[in-house]
Protein backbone atom coordinates (compact mmCIF):
# COMPACT_ATOMS: atom_id res chain seq x y z
CA MET A 1 -25.52 1.52 -12.39
CA TYR A 2 -22.93 2.50 -15.19
CA SER A 3 -19.70 1.61 -14.38
CA GLN A 4 -17.63 4.34 -16.15
CA LYS A 5 -14.17 4.54 -17.74
CA ILE A 6 -11.13 5.55 -15.96
CA PHE A 7 -9.66 8.15 -17.12
CA ASN A 8 -6.17 8.74 -17.66
CA ASN A 9 -6.09 5.16 -16.74
CA ASN A 10 -1.92 4.27 -17.27
CA THR A 11 -1.96 3.92 -13.33
CA CYS A 12 0.09 1.16 -11.34
CA TYR A 13 -1.07 0.15 -7.51
CA ILE A 14 1.72 0.23 -4.57
CA SER A 15 0.11 -2.21 -1.36
CA GLY A 16 1.70 -4.21 1.05
CA LEU A 17 0.56 -4.75 5.07
CA HIS A 18 0.99 -1.64 7.05
CA ARG A 19 4.09 -0.68 8.35
CA SER A 20 5.79 -2.94 4.96
CA GLY A 21 7.93 -0.09 3.82
CA LYS A 22 5.44 1.30 0.96
CA SER A 23 6.77 4.86 2.54
CA LEU A 24 10.72 4.24 1.65
CA LEU A 25 9.52 2.79 -1.93
CA THR A 26 7.33 5.85 -2.62
CA ASP A 27 10.03 7.98 -1.72
CA ILE A 28 12.28 7.29 -3.90
CA ILE A 29 10.49 5.59 -6.98
CA PRO A 30 10.11 9.28 -8.77
CA SER A 31 13.57 8.78 -9.74
CA ILE A 32 12.36 6.99 -12.53
CA GLU A 33 11.80 8.93 -15.29
CA ASN A 34 8.56 9.05 -16.97
CA THR A 35 6.81 8.14 -13.06
CA GLY A 36 4.18 10.01 -12.60
CA LEU A 37 2.51 10.98 -8.84
CA ILE A 38 1.65 9.11 -6.04
CA ASN A 39 -1.79 9.01 -4.75
CA LYS A 40 -3.40 8.41 -1.49
CA GLU A 41 -7.32 8.05 -1.25
CA PRO A 42 -8.06 5.87 2.15
CA LEU A 43 -11.72 5.22 0.54
CA LEU A 44 -10.42 3.02 -1.94
CA SER A 45 -9.28 0.67 0.86
CA LEU A 46 -12.19 1.58 2.90
CA LEU A 47 -14.26 -0.20 -0.22
CA ALA A 48 -12.46 -3.39 -0.78
CA ASN A 49 -12.41 -3.73 3.65
CA LEU A 50 -16.46 -3.32 2.74
CA TYR A 51 -16.65 -5.40 0.23
CA ALA A 52 -14.70 -8.38 1.78
CA ASN A 53 -16.99 -7.90 5.37
CA ASP A 54 -20.28 -8.34 2.57
CA GLU A 55 -21.34 -4.34 3.89
CA ILE A 56 -21.66 -3.55 0.31
CA ASN A 57 -21.39 -5.65 -3.32
CA LEU A 58 -19.35 -5.75 -6.00
CA LYS A 59 -20.99 -3.82 -7.96
CA SER A 60 -21.83 -0.97 -6.00
CA ALA A 61 -18.42 -0.82 -4.70
CA ARG A 62 -16.21 -1.28 -7.96
CA TYR A 63 -18.08 1.80 -9.38
CA LEU A 64 -17.43 4.01 -6.37
CA ALA A 65 -13.59 2.83 -6.91
CA ARG A 66 -13.95 3.60 -10.92
CA TYR A 67 -14.84 7.00 -10.17
CA VAL A 68 -12.68 7.86 -7.76
CA GLN A 69 -9.81 6.77 -8.99
CA SER A 70 -11.00 8.45 -12.33
CA ASN A 71 -11.62 11.07 -10.59
CA ILE A 72 -8.24 11.96 -9.05
CA ASN A 73 -6.67 11.22 -12.59
CA TYR A 74 -8.17 13.72 -13.70
CA SER A 75 -7.89 16.53 -10.88
CA ASN A 76 -3.89 15.38 -11.12
CA PHE A 77 -4.33 15.82 -15.02
CA ILE A 78 -6.07 19.44 -14.69
CA GLY A 79 -3.44 20.64 -11.82
CA ARG A 80 -6.72 20.29 -9.56
CA LYS A 81 -6.08 19.31 -5.90
CA LEU A 82 -2.32 18.63 -5.79
CA ASN A 83 -0.54 17.98 -2.98
CA LEU A 84 2.26 21.32 -2.15
CA LYS A 85 3.22 19.99 1.82
CA ILE A 86 6.62 19.14 1.60
CA THR A 87 7.05 17.60 4.43
CA ASP A 88 3.96 14.52 3.11
CA GLU A 89 5.79 11.65 0.76
CA THR A 90 3.17 12.48 -1.57
CA ASN A 91 3.68 16.08 -2.26
CA ILE A 92 4.57 17.49 -5.78
CA TYR A 93 7.81 18.76 -5.18
CA ASN A 94 9.74 15.27 -4.69
CA HIS A 95 8.93 14.47 -8.49
CA MET A 96 11.13 14.83 -10.62
CA ASN A 97 9.08 17.74 -13.37
CA TYR A 98 7.04 19.05 -10.06
CA LYS A 99 7.13 22.37 -12.60
CA ASN A 100 5.09 20.81 -15.15
CA TYR A 101 2.67 20.62 -12.16
CA LEU A 102 3.14 23.48 -11.31
CA LYS A 103 2.22 25.07 -14.33
CA LYS A 104 -0.87 23.37 -14.88
CA MET A 105 -1.68 24.84 -11.59
CA ASN A 106 -1.34 28.20 -12.59
CA SER A 107 -2.64 27.80 -16.04
CA LYS A 108 -5.64 30.26 -17.42
CA THR A 109 -6.41 28.35 -20.26
CA LYS A 110 -8.25 25.81 -19.51
CA LEU A 111 -7.36 22.42 -21.13
CA LYS A 112 -9.01 20.43 -23.96
CA ILE A 113 -9.81 17.41 -22.41
CA SER A 114 -10.27 13.58 -24.41
CA GLU A 115 -12.20 10.86 -23.19
CA ASN A 116 -9.35 8.51 -24.17
CA THR A 117 -6.51 10.51 -22.86
CA GLU A 118 -3.63 8.70 -21.43
CA GLU A 119 -0.19 10.25 -20.27
CA ARG A 120 3.57 8.70 -20.59
CA GLU A 121 3.64 9.08 -17.22
CA ILE A 122 2.16 6.42 -15.26
CA GLY A 123 1.32 7.57 -12.04
CA PHE A 124 0.86 5.63 -8.69
CA TYR A 125 -2.01 4.49 -5.80
CA ASP A 126 -0.75 3.75 -2.47
CA VAL A 127 -3.96 1.64 -1.13
CA HIS A 128 -3.38 -1.16 1.83
CA ASN A 129 -3.46 -4.49 1.45
CA ILE A 130 -4.79 -4.93 -1.80
CA LEU A 131 -2.91 -8.88 -2.44
CA SER A 132 -5.01 -10.29 -0.11
CA ASN A 133 -7.63 -8.82 -2.05
CA LEU A 134 -6.88 -9.37 -5.72
CA LYS A 135 -10.68 -10.97 -6.48
CA PHE A 136 -11.81 -7.21 -5.79
CA TRP A 137 -9.10 -5.02 -7.52
CA ARG A 138 -8.89 -7.13 -10.94
CA GLN A 139 -12.28 -6.27 -11.79
CA THR A 140 -12.03 -3.11 -10.17
CA ASN A 141 -9.65 -1.60 -13.12
CA ASP A 142 -8.88 -3.28 -16.17
CA ASN A 143 -5.75 -2.10 -16.42
CA PHE A 144 -4.28 -3.51 -12.90
CA LYS A 145 -0.87 -3.67 -11.86
CA LEU A 146 0.37 -3.94 -8.74
CA ILE A 147 4.04 -3.50 -6.50
CA ASN A 148 3.85 -5.08 -3.67
CA VAL A 149 5.89 -4.33 -0.55
CA GLU A 150 7.21 -6.95 1.81
CA ARG A 151 8.60 -7.09 5.20
CA ASN A 152 10.03 -9.93 7.91
CA PRO A 153 6.66 -10.63 10.23
CA ILE A 154 8.89 -9.88 13.29
CA ASP A 155 9.84 -6.49 11.83
CA LEU A 156 5.78 -6.37 10.88
CA THR A 157 4.80 -6.80 14.21
CA TYR A 158 6.99 -4.65 16.48
CA SER A 159 6.33 -1.54 14.34
CA TRP A 160 2.29 -2.91 14.40
CA TYR A 161 2.64 -2.86 18.34
CA GLU A 162 4.66 0.05 18.60
CA ASN A 163 2.15 2.25 16.50
CA LYS A 164 -1.01 0.19 18.58
CA PHE A 165 -2.61 -2.01 15.93
CA GLY A 166 -3.35 -3.94 18.33
CA SER A 167 -6.19 -1.69 20.10
CA PHE A 168 -7.80 0.90 18.64
CA SER A 169 -10.07 4.08 20.20
CA LYS A 170 -12.32 6.05 18.82
CA SER A 171 -10.48 8.94 16.56
CA ALA A 172 -11.96 11.18 14.31
CA ILE A 173 -9.22 10.55 11.47
CA ASN A 174 -9.00 6.98 11.86
CA GLN A 175 -9.17 5.08 8.21
CA LEU A 176 -8.97 1.79 8.71
CA LEU A 177 -12.42 0.14 8.89
CA VAL A 178 -13.31 -0.60 12.40
CA TYR A 179 -16.25 -2.30 14.43
CA LYS A 180 -17.96 -1.60 17.42
CA PHE A 181 -18.84 -4.39 19.97
CA LYS A 182 -19.65 -3.19 23.90
CA ASP A 183 -16.81 -1.27 24.88
CA ASP A 184 -14.07 -2.51 21.80
CA LEU A 185 -13.36 -1.30 18.63
CA ILE A 186 -12.53 -4.55 16.49
CA PRO A 187 -10.37 -4.17 13.40
CA THR A 188 -11.78 -4.99 9.71
CA TYR A 189 -9.12 -8.07 9.76
CA ALA A 190 -10.57 -9.44 13.45
CA LYS A 191 -14.47 -9.17 12.46
CA LYS A 192 -14.82 -12.78 11.58
CA TRP A 193 -13.68 -13.27 15.29
CA THR A 194 -14.92 -10.48 17.16
CA ASN A 195 -15.15 -12.50 20.17
CA LYS A 196 -11.58 -14.09 20.35
CA TYR A 197 -10.05 -10.83 19.72
CA VAL A 198 -11.45 -9.11 22.94
CA LYS A 199 -10.55 -11.81 24.85
CA MET A 200 -6.32 -11.68 23.71
CA ASN A 201 -3.83 -9.66 24.32
CA GLU A 202 -2.49 -6.59 22.39
CA LEU A 203 0.46 -8.81 20.95
CA ASP A 204 -1.73 -11.65 19.74
CA ARG A 205 -3.86 -10.06 18.39
CA ILE A 206 -1.33 -8.72 15.80
CA ILE A 207 -0.05 -11.18 15.22
CA GLN A 208 -2.68 -13.71 14.77
CA ILE A 209 -4.24 -10.70 12.31
CA ILE A 210 -0.27 -10.84 10.69
CA ASN A 211 -0.78 -14.53 10.15
CA GLN A 212 -4.23 -14.48 8.80
CA GLU A 213 -3.47 -12.20 6.12
CA ILE A 214 -0.04 -12.99 4.82
CA LYS A 215 -1.73 -16.73 4.61
CA ASN A 216 -4.42 -14.56 2.63
CA SER A 217 -2.48 -13.04 0.17
CA GLU A 218 -0.96 -15.94 -0.55
CA LYS A 219 -3.45 -18.12 -1.41
CA SER A 220 -4.92 -15.16 -3.51
CA TYR A 221 -1.74 -14.24 -5.34
CA LYS A 222 -1.40 -18.18 -6.03
CA PHE A 223 -4.73 -18.31 -7.31
CA TYR A 224 -4.73 -14.81 -9.90
CA LYS A 225 -0.80 -14.83 -10.26
CA LYS A 226 -0.99 -16.35 -13.72
CA ASN A 227 -2.98 -13.45 -15.30
CA THR A 228 -1.96 -10.32 -13.47
CA LEU A 229 1.17 -7.94 -13.56
CA ILE A 230 2.21 -8.36 -10.41
CA LEU A 231 5.66 -7.29 -8.53
CA ARG A 232 6.58 -8.91 -5.16
CA ILE A 233 9.35 -6.81 -3.64
CA LYS A 234 10.75 -7.05 0.19
CA TYR A 235 11.11 -4.12 2.03
CA GLU A 236 15.12 -5.54 3.24
CA ASP A 237 15.98 -5.89 -0.46
CA ILE A 238 15.34 -2.12 -1.21
CA LEU A 239 17.07 -0.96 1.77
CA ALA A 240 20.28 -3.20 0.59
CA LYS A 241 19.92 -2.87 -3.14
CA PRO A 242 18.01 0.25 -4.12
CA ILE A 243 19.18 0.91 -8.17
CA GLU A 244 18.74 -2.63 -8.67
CA ASN A 245 15.05 -2.31 -7.11
CA LEU A 246 14.24 0.70 -8.86
CA ALA A 247 15.68 -1.39 -12.44
CA LEU A 248 13.11 -4.15 -12.20
CA ILE A 249 10.06 -2.01 -11.06
CA ASN A 250 10.92 -0.05 -14.38
CA LYS A 251 11.72 -3.18 -16.62
CA PHE A 252 8.37 -4.47 -14.66
CA LEU A 253 6.68 -0.98 -15.74
CA LYS A 254 8.08 -1.17 -19.54
CA LEU A 255 9.45 2.59 -18.64
CA LYS A 256 12.90 1.94 -20.79
CA SER A 257 13.35 5.53 -18.50
CA LYS A 258 16.73 6.50 -16.88
CA ILE A 259 16.89 6.30 -13.34
CA HIS A 260 18.24 9.66 -11.54
CA PHE A 261 18.68 8.16 -8.15
CA ASP A 262 20.93 10.24 -6.84
CA LYS A 263 18.59 12.36 -6.01
CA TYR A 264 16.76 10.64 -4.11
CA LYS A 265 18.64 8.52 -2.55
CA LYS A 266 18.85 10.72 0.98
CA HIS A 267 15.71 8.96 1.52
CA ILE A 268 17.62 5.77 2.42
CA THR A 269 18.17 6.96 5.87
CA ARG A 270 18.33 3.36 7.92
CA LYS A 271 21.16 0.53 7.16
CA TYR A 272 20.70 -2.59 6.23
CA SER A 273 23.15 -4.00 8.24
CA SER A 274 21.81 -2.46 11.05
CA LEU A 275 18.39 -4.62 10.49
CA PHE A 276 19.64 -8.32 11.74
CA GLU A 277 20.77 -6.56 15.11
CA GLU A 278 17.28 -4.82 16.38
CA ARG A 279 15.67 -7.59 14.88
CA LYS A 280 17.09 -9.59 17.52
CA LYS A 281 15.93 -6.75 20.43
CA LYS A 282 12.18 -6.75 18.80
CA LEU A 283 12.28 -10.77 18.91
CA LYS A 284 13.09 -10.85 22.30
CA PHE A 285 10.64 -8.31 23.42
CA ILE A 286 8.01 -10.20 21.52
CA LYS A 287 8.52 -13.52 22.93
CA SER A 288 8.42 -11.87 26.24
CA ASN A 289 4.65 -10.38 25.50
CA CYS A 290 2.96 -12.81 23.50
CA SER A 291 2.06 -16.54 24.18
CA LYS A 292 3.87 -19.24 23.09
CA ILE A 293 1.21 -20.84 20.31
CA TYR A 294 1.62 -16.60 18.82
CA TYR A 295 5.67 -17.06 19.11
CA ASP A 296 5.74 -19.91 17.76
CA LYS A 297 2.99 -19.01 14.44
CA LEU A 298 5.54 -15.69 14.25
CA ILE A 299 8.69 -17.56 14.17
CA ASN A 300 6.98 -20.05 11.59
CA LEU A 301 5.89 -16.89 9.06
CA SER A 302 9.58 -15.19 9.57
CA ASN A 303 11.04 -18.46 8.72
CA ILE A 304 9.28 -19.03 5.53
CA TYR A 305 9.80 -15.66 4.41
CA GLU A 306 13.21 -16.09 4.92
CA SER A 307 13.32 -19.23 2.93
């Protein structure tokens, strides 16, 4: 099986746990000149999860991941399959130079394509939870770069609960790998402790998964950080200091670009100062609805995060 070169592989991954705040970053990152389109392809997360759970070997998962990215990059380059849905966070109209993409889409001239094409603009892939599976992703992309968005575990837990990430029902549009166990659907994260999962309440399940994934991410990061381009950013810092964090990204990507934040500041709709009062209310609710052992785990995660 020949693993082909990724076409126009001038890209960077944006990742983090579900509900970590990636959407806020993808809303404002186009304010940096020379940033390209943001791509969301659930199949990439699925492949990584299948590999992590030994459902597919590395050779096959790597081949498919490279194939998918190469074809998405090619489609973007020629103006095919562009996202025109204005209400979607990855729509091309959120891009500073969206007219260039419309021009490509409506062009009647066939573009000449070179195997070594590399545009100046850097594109992005929004993929869940890359940090905990760096072994896979580093072998998948030779030009691997990652911006990882992180959020206080208390806020994560509450958001997961609100979005029903502690229980799953049959759905034709579910994007997370799940397993069937008797009458229950088990998320990929809990495959190795299914019997325990089905006996837990929703909040205990969520806290255990978040605890597991954060610890796995830290272990993976410590092992690979010396030889891997990774920028870790906190959601709260993006809210409090958006321009400073965009400048960090600009430097990390070596773009040396201007930042036109005024056009994109409307996307910062939450106030940093309100987070702490909201978190107290969330924590009170969580404490009332989870067991003490998992409440203590959550507090420990939060203390480490804030230290």
